[in-house]
Amino acid sequence: MRKPGGFRELFASGARFSDPANAATEDLGTVQRQTKRMFPDWRQEITSIRGGDDWAVFEWTGHATYRGEGGADAVDGTPITMRGITIIELDADRRITSWRDYLDRKEPEDQLRAAARRAASA
């Protein structure tokens, strides 16, 4: 059940989301669940923002603890930091119709690999 005033309430019906891990989709719930599973404590600081009546671009720094499926190049419970840019488009009611995240996926991958190397050498 959605909470009134929650994140998805910012989006117009039919809004599309995309990022390096997800092709453009209207299924915002699945994206939210995927993020929560991998990074349950995700928090994001907006460091710069610019925009107009129907668009905005913001830079952000995200912090989280990786809780993925593990694997050779990952250590569950590893804190990560990543930086990115988001571009949003808005309709006349100021609801988001398009949200596109851009980030370097190698940044957190390098942090996870370093944690795996440290764990292997310990």
C-alpha atoms as a PDB file:
ATOM      1  CA  MET A   1       0.000   0.000   0.000  1.00  0.00           C
ATOM      2  CA  ARG A   2       1.359   3.409  -0.945  1.00  0.00           C
ATOM      3  CA  LYS A   3       1.840   6.075   1.661  1.00  0.00           C
ATOM      4  CA  PRO A   4       0.308   9.455   0.757  1.00  0.00           C
ATOM      5  CA  GLY A   5       3.051  11.918  -0.125  1.00  0.00           C
ATOM      6  CA  GLY A   6       5.534   9.128  -0.893  1.00  0.00           C
ATOM      7  CA  PHE A   7       8.118   9.091  -3.657  1.00  0.00           C
ATOM      8  CA  ARG A   8       5.790   7.592  -6.259  1.00  0.00           C
ATOM      9  CA  GLU A   9       3.250  10.340  -5.624  1.00  0.00           C
ATOM     10  CA  LEU A  10       5.681  12.722  -7.356  1.00  0.00           C
ATOM     11  CA  PHE A  11       5.138  10.865 -10.645  1.00  0.00           C
ATOM     12  CA  ALA A  12       2.391  11.337 -13.214  1.00  0.00           C
ATOM     13  CA  SER A  13       0.495   8.308 -14.450  1.00  0.00           C
ATOM     14  CA  GLY A  14       2.546   6.595 -17.151  1.00  0.00           C
ATOM     15  CA  ALA A  15       5.811   8.225 -16.048  1.00  0.00           C
ATOM     16  CA  ARG A  16       8.975   6.502 -17.216  1.00  0.00           C
ATOM     17  CA  PHE A  17      12.145   5.815 -15.228  1.00  0.00           C
ATOM     18  CA  SER A  18      15.533   4.698 -16.541  1.00  0.00           C
ATOM     19  CA  ASP A  19      19.052   4.272 -15.224  1.00  0.00           C
ATOM     20  CA  PRO A  20      22.113   2.223 -16.226  1.00  0.00           C
ATOM     21  CA  ALA A  21      20.551  -0.903 -14.652  1.00  0.00           C
ATOM     22  CA  ASN A  22      17.015  -0.420 -15.972  1.00  0.00           C
ATOM     23  CA  ALA A  23      15.723   0.233 -19.471  1.00  0.00           C
ATOM     24  CA  ALA A  24      12.986   2.861 -19.575  1.00  0.00           C
ATOM     25  CA  THR A  25      10.005   1.519 -17.655  1.00  0.00           C
ATOM     26  CA  GLU A  26       6.695   2.647 -16.198  1.00  0.00           C
ATOM     27  CA  ASP A  27       7.047  -0.007 -13.465  1.00  0.00           C
ATOM     28  CA  LEU A  28       8.305   2.289 -10.705  1.00  0.00           C
ATOM     29  CA  GLY A  29       7.424  -0.220  -7.983  1.00  0.00           C
ATOM     30  CA  THR A  30       9.830  -2.826  -9.326  1.00  0.00           C
ATOM     31  CA  VAL A  31      12.617  -0.252  -9.551  1.00  0.00           C
ATOM     32  CA  GLN A  32      11.981   0.802  -5.950  1.00  0.00           C
ATOM     33  CA  ARG A  33      12.015  -2.811  -4.723  1.00  0.00           C
ATOM     34  CA  GLN A  34      15.203  -3.578  -6.666  1.00  0.00           C
ATOM     35  CA  THR A  35      16.953  -0.564  -5.126  1.00  0.00           C
ATOM     36  CA  LYS A  36      15.719  -1.430  -1.628  1.00  0.00           C
ATOM     37  CA  ARG A  37      16.943  -5.029  -1.984  1.00  0.00           C
ATOM     38  CA  MET A  38      20.439  -4.036  -3.137  1.00  0.00           C
ATOM     39  CA  PHE A  39      20.810  -0.887  -1.008  1.00  0.00           C
ATOM     40  CA  PRO A  40      18.295  -0.962   1.886  1.00  0.00           C
ATOM     41  CA  ASP A  41      19.727   2.156   3.521  1.00  0.00           C
ATOM     42  CA  TRP A  42      20.110   4.244   0.330  1.00  0.00           C
ATOM     43  CA  ARG A  43      20.302   7.965   1.031  1.00  0.00           C
ATOM     44  CA  GLN A  44      21.020  10.688  -1.436  1.00  0.00           C
ATOM     45  CA  GLU A  45      22.241  14.245  -1.102  1.00  0.00           C
ATOM     46  CA  ILE A  46      21.503  16.693  -3.903  1.00  0.00           C
ATOM     47  CA  THR A  47      24.629  18.787  -4.417  1.00  0.00           C
ATOM     48  CA  SER A  48      23.484  21.005  -7.299  1.00  0.00           C
ATOM     49  CA  ILE A  49      20.203  21.617  -9.098  1.00  0.00           C
ATOM     50  CA  ARG A  50      19.074  23.634 -12.104  1.00  0.00           C
ATOM     51  CA  GLY A  51      15.730  23.698 -13.831  1.00  0.00           C
ATOM     52  CA  GLY A  52      12.864  25.382 -15.576  1.00  0.00           C
ATOM     53  CA  ASP A  53       9.090  25.164 -15.597  1.00  0.00           C
ATOM     54  CA  ASP A  54       8.992  21.639 -17.001  1.00  0.00           C
ATOM     55  CA  TRP A  55      12.436  20.158 -16.310  1.00  0.00           C
ATOM     56  CA  ALA A  56      15.212  19.881 -13.745  1.00  0.00           C
ATOM     57  CA  VAL A  57      18.710  18.464 -13.633  1.00  0.00           C
ATOM     58  CA  PHE A  58      20.380  17.648 -10.353  1.00  0.00           C
ATOM     59  CA  GLU A  59      23.715  16.256  -9.286  1.00  0.00           C
ATOM     60  CA  TRP A  60      23.737  13.919  -6.335  1.00  0.00           C
ATOM     61  CA  THR A  61      25.919  11.813  -4.099  1.00  0.00           C
ATOM     62  CA  GLY A  62      24.432   8.558  -2.855  1.00  0.00           C
ATOM     63  CA  HIS A  63      25.535   6.491   0.128  1.00  0.00           C
ATOM     64  CA  ALA A  64      24.396   2.989   0.968  1.00  0.00           C
ATOM     65  CA  THR A  65      25.371  -0.429   2.233  1.00  0.00           C
ATOM     66  CA  TYR A  66      25.508  -3.077  -0.486  1.00  0.00           C
ATOM     67  CA  ARG A  67      23.187  -6.010   0.259  1.00  0.00           C
ATOM     68  CA  GLY A  68      23.291  -7.807  -3.076  1.00  0.00           C
ATOM     69  CA  GLU A  69      23.484 -11.461  -3.879  1.00  0.00           C
ATOM     70  CA  GLY A  70      27.209 -11.585  -3.179  1.00  0.00           C
ATOM     71  CA  GLY A  71      29.531 -13.235  -5.643  1.00  0.00           C
ATOM     72  CA  ALA A  72      33.232 -13.271  -6.371  1.00  0.00           C
ATOM     73  CA  ASP A  73      33.527  -9.518  -6.748  1.00  0.00           C
ATOM     74  CA  ALA A  74      31.307  -8.404  -3.884  1.00  0.00           C
ATOM     75  CA  VAL A  75      31.150  -8.416  -0.129  1.00  0.00           C
ATOM     76  CA  ASP A  76      27.644  -8.034   1.288  1.00  0.00           C
ATOM     77  CA  GLY A  77      27.495  -5.252   3.855  1.00  0.00           C
ATOM     78  CA  THR A  78      30.057  -3.051   2.079  1.00  0.00           C
ATOM     79  CA  PRO A  79      29.414   0.689   2.319  1.00  0.00           C
ATOM     80  CA  ILE A  80      29.503   2.401  -1.063  1.00  0.00           C
ATOM     81  CA  THR A  81      29.366   5.956  -2.364  1.00  0.00           C
ATOM     82  CA  MET A  82      28.372   6.927  -5.872  1.00  0.00           C
ATOM     83  CA  ARG A  83      27.775  10.134  -7.720  1.00  0.00           C
ATOM     84  CA  GLY A  84      25.338  10.790 -10.530  1.00  0.00           C
ATOM     85  CA  ILE A  85      23.082  13.161 -12.384  1.00  0.00           C
ATOM     86  CA  THR A  86      19.310  12.942 -12.771  1.00  0.00           C
ATOM     87  CA  ILE A  87      17.228  14.612 -15.451  1.00  0.00           C
ATOM     88  CA  ILE A  88      13.509  14.934 -14.823  1.00  0.00           C
ATOM     89  CA  GLU A  89      10.696  16.251 -16.995  1.00  0.00           C
ATOM     90  CA  LEU A  90       7.435  17.562 -15.545  1.00  0.00           C
ATOM     91  CA  ASP A  91       3.877  17.886 -16.803  1.00  0.00           C
ATOM     92  CA  ALA A  92       1.639  20.930 -16.361  1.00  0.00           C
ATOM     93  CA  ASP A  93       0.667  19.682 -12.871  1.00  0.00           C
ATOM     94  CA  ARG A  94       4.386  19.572 -11.899  1.00  0.00           C
ATOM     95  CA  ARG A  95       4.391  15.770 -11.700  1.00  0.00           C
ATOM     96  CA  ILE A  96       7.332  13.835 -13.065  1.00  0.00           C
ATOM     97  CA  THR A  97       6.781  12.282 -16.494  1.00  0.00           C
ATOM     98  CA  SER A  98      10.371  11.174 -17.088  1.00  0.00           C
ATOM     99  CA  TRP A  99      13.229  10.403 -14.670  1.00  0.00           C
ATOM    100  CA  ARG A 100      16.622   9.465 -16.105  1.00  0.00           C
ATOM    101  CA  ASP A 101      19.604   8.675 -13.876  1.00  0.00           C
ATOM    102  CA  TYR A 102      23.143   8.782 -15.222  1.00  0.00           C
ATOM    103  CA  LEU A 103      26.015   7.394 -13.182  1.00  0.00           C
ATOM    104  CA  ASP A 104      29.268   5.508 -13.523  1.00  0.00           C
ATOM    105  CA  ARG A 105      28.490   1.926 -12.447  1.00  0.00           C
ATOM    106  CA  LYS A 106      32.209   1.271 -12.187  1.00  0.00           C
ATOM    107  CA  GLU A 107      32.495   3.574  -9.166  1.00  0.00           C
ATOM    108  CA  PRO A 108      30.602   1.285  -6.730  1.00  0.00           C
ATOM    109  CA  GLU A 109      31.934  -1.844  -8.476  1.00  0.00           C
ATOM    110  CA  ASP A 110      35.501  -0.703  -7.726  1.00  0.00           C
ATOM    111  CA  GLN A 111      34.555  -0.199  -4.074  1.00  0.00           C
ATOM    112  CA  LEU A 112      33.027  -3.689  -3.874  1.00  0.00           C
ATOM    113  CA  ARG A 113      36.070  -5.286  -5.527  1.00  0.00           C
ATOM    114  CA  ALA A 114      38.401  -3.512  -3.093  1.00  0.00           C
ATOM    115  CA  ALA A 115      36.313  -4.820  -0.178  1.00  0.00           C
ATOM    116  CA  ALA A 116      36.461  -8.353  -1.629  1.00  0.00           C
ATOM    117  CA  ARG A 117      40.263  -8.114  -1.955  1.00  0.00           C
ATOM    118  CA  ARG A 118      40.559  -6.914   1.645  1.00  0.00           C
ATOM    119  CA  ALA A 119      38.320  -9.755   2.866  1.00  0.00           C
ATOM    120  CA  ALA A 120      40.288 -12.336   0.868  1.00  0.00           C
ATOM    121  CA  SER A 121      43.614 -11.167   2.261  1.00  0.00           C
ATOM    122  CA  ALA A 122      42.380 -11.084   5.858  1.00  0.00           C
END
